[in-house]
Each structure stands twice: as C-alpha cells, then as structure tokens.
Amino acid sequence: QVPVVESGGGLVQVGGSLRLSCGGSGSDIIYYAIEWYRQTPGNERELVASITRASVTSYADSVKGRFTISRSDDSQTVDLQMSSLKPDDTGVYYCKATNYGHSSWGRGTQVTVTS
C-alpha cells in the first residue's frame, strides 16, 4: 500500500481558492484511484471528489462547478483545485488511494474558510 501525503491546506477567505495535492511517497500515484474526503468535528467523512485510474472524475453535489480533481502532468500527484470557497468547505481534507482493493489514507490537511 502506498503511503499517502496531503498538502496545500490553509486559511482562506470566502470566495478564495486553494489547491490541495495528494502524493504517494515513493510510488506513482497514477496507478491508484484517488478520493478526496473532508471531515468536520462530530461528522463522518464526506466524499468530495474522486478520480479513477482511467481519470474519470466525479463530485459531490455540494462542490460541483467549484472543485476540480485532476492528475498532475508528471503523474506524481492528484490535485484538488478548490474555488469559490464557502465556510461550509471548512474541514480536514483526506486523500484515499485505492489499488486492487487495497486502500491507504493520508493524515489529512486542514482547510479553513473565513468570512
């Protein structure tokens, strides 16, 4: 299983943008289906966006038109470009990498959207 590392979180104002990255330390992330989840205190993790090994993407209704998931040109990361951010987008964002039924989770990166 690939060790997964998220990066790119931070503090942003309403309407702003952030780009999160999910990398597989020492492994080509291109071989993995990737899902981005977010979690707020007291709530379960919510699937936000996903990309298959064939780069087919899907999104939660709450982020459609605002978030874009994509593989980087060098195939070393899967990025989540977040735009028009809202306070409800605040949370810890986790990356999950899956290949042949085996999954790995990262430790998460905090995104805070302030008004």
Protein backbone atom coordinates (compact mmCIF):
# COMPACT_ATOMS: atom_id res chain seq x y z
CA GLN A 1 0.00 0.00 0.00
CA VAL A 2 1.27 3.41 -0.92
CA PRO A 3 1.95 5.95 1.84
CA VAL A 4 -0.28 8.90 1.05
CA VAL A 5 0.55 12.50 1.91
CA GLU A 6 -1.73 15.51 1.55
CA SER A 7 -0.53 19.09 1.26
CA GLY A 8 -1.82 22.54 0.40
CA GLY A 9 -4.33 23.26 3.12
CA GLY A 10 -4.56 26.58 4.88
CA LEU A 11 -6.65 29.59 5.75
CA VAL A 12 -8.58 31.36 3.01
CA GLN A 13 -11.34 33.92 2.80
CA VAL A 14 -14.79 33.24 1.41
CA GLY A 15 -14.65 33.22 -2.36
CA GLY A 16 -10.97 32.37 -2.42
CA SER A 17 -9.14 29.37 -3.83
CA LEU A 18 -6.83 26.63 -2.61
CA ARG A 19 -5.11 23.75 -4.30
CA LEU A 20 -4.64 20.52 -2.40
CA SER A 21 -2.25 17.81 -3.53
CA CYS A 22 -2.21 14.10 -2.79
CA GLY A 23 1.07 12.31 -3.35
CA GLY A 24 2.16 8.72 -2.94
CA SER A 25 5.54 8.77 -1.28
CA GLY A 26 7.91 6.75 -3.41
CA SER A 27 5.14 5.42 -5.66
CA ASP A 28 3.48 6.53 -8.86
CA ILE A 29 0.05 7.76 -7.87
CA ILE A 30 -1.06 7.15 -11.46
CA TYR A 31 -1.71 3.51 -10.57
CA TYR A 32 -4.26 4.43 -7.91
CA ALA A 33 -7.85 5.58 -7.84
CA ILE A 34 -7.96 8.66 -5.62
CA GLU A 35 -10.72 10.02 -3.48
CA TRP A 36 -10.79 13.26 -1.54
CA TYR A 37 -12.87 13.34 1.64
CA ARG A 38 -13.48 16.07 4.15
CA GLN A 39 -14.48 15.84 7.78
CA THR A 40 -15.71 18.34 10.34
CA PRO A 41 -15.84 17.74 14.09
CA GLY A 42 -18.64 15.37 15.07
CA ASN A 43 -19.36 14.34 11.50
CA GLU A 44 -18.41 11.43 9.32
CA ARG A 45 -16.03 11.83 6.43
CA GLU A 46 -17.79 13.08 3.34
CA LEU A 47 -16.69 12.10 -0.17
CA VAL A 48 -15.94 15.29 -2.07
CA ALA A 49 -14.35 14.19 -5.33
CA SER A 50 -12.82 11.15 -6.94
CA ILE A 51 -10.78 10.15 -9.96
CA THR A 52 -10.41 6.64 -11.31
CA ARG A 53 -7.25 5.09 -12.75
CA ALA A 54 -8.73 5.97 -16.15
CA SER A 55 -9.12 9.58 -14.93
CA VAL A 56 -12.90 9.50 -14.81
CA THR A 57 -13.97 12.10 -12.26
CA SER A 58 -16.98 12.58 -10.03
CA TYR A 59 -18.02 15.19 -7.46
CA ALA A 60 -20.35 15.69 -4.56
CA ASP A 61 -23.25 17.95 -5.47
CA SER A 62 -22.06 20.50 -2.92
CA VAL A 63 -18.81 21.11 -4.80
CA LYS A 64 -19.78 20.63 -8.45
CA GLY A 65 -18.65 23.55 -10.56
CA ARG A 66 -16.30 24.79 -7.84
CA PHE A 67 -13.84 21.93 -7.30
CA THR A 68 -11.76 20.13 -9.90
CA ILE A 69 -9.84 16.92 -9.32
CA SER A 70 -7.03 16.10 -11.72
CA ARG A 71 -3.78 14.24 -12.10
CA SER A 72 -0.67 16.37 -12.34
CA ASP A 73 1.26 16.42 -15.60
CA ASP A 74 4.07 14.36 -14.08
CA SER A 75 1.54 11.90 -12.61
CA GLN A 76 3.12 12.25 -9.20
CA THR A 77 0.14 13.88 -7.52
CA VAL A 78 -3.63 14.14 -7.71
CA ASP A 79 -4.72 17.69 -7.11
CA LEU A 80 -7.95 19.17 -5.87
CA GLN A 81 -8.41 22.71 -7.10
CA MET A 82 -10.99 24.44 -4.92
CA SER A 83 -12.53 27.73 -5.96
CA SER A 84 -15.34 29.97 -4.75
CA LEU A 85 -14.79 28.56 -1.29
CA LYS A 86 -17.53 28.78 1.30
CA PRO A 87 -17.46 28.49 5.09
CA ASP A 88 -19.11 25.05 4.71
CA ASP A 89 -15.99 23.87 2.89
CA THR A 90 -14.05 24.13 6.13
CA GLY A 91 -12.72 20.83 7.40
CA VAL A 92 -9.90 18.37 7.35
CA TYR A 93 -9.38 17.03 3.85
CA TYR A 94 -8.16 13.47 3.46
CA CYS A 95 -6.84 11.65 0.46
CA LYS A 96 -7.55 7.95 -0.04
CA ALA A 97 -5.60 5.90 -2.58
CA THR A 98 -7.00 2.56 -3.76
CA ASN A 99 -5.48 -0.09 -5.96
CA TYR A 100 -6.69 -3.67 -6.38
CA GLY A 101 -8.99 -3.34 -3.40
CA HIS A 102 -6.33 -2.07 -1.02
CA SER A 103 -6.63 1.46 0.33
CA SER A 104 -4.39 3.91 2.13
CA TRP A 105 -5.38 7.12 3.86
CA GLY A 106 -3.32 10.21 4.43
CA ARG A 107 -3.28 12.12 7.71
CA GLY A 108 -5.28 15.00 6.30
CA THR A 109 -4.77 18.70 5.73
CA GLN A 110 -6.82 21.45 7.35
CA VAL A 111 -8.80 23.88 5.21
CA THR A 112 -10.40 26.84 6.96
CA VAL A 113 -12.62 29.27 5.08
CA THR A 114 -13.28 32.53 6.91
CA SER A 115 -15.92 35.15 6.23
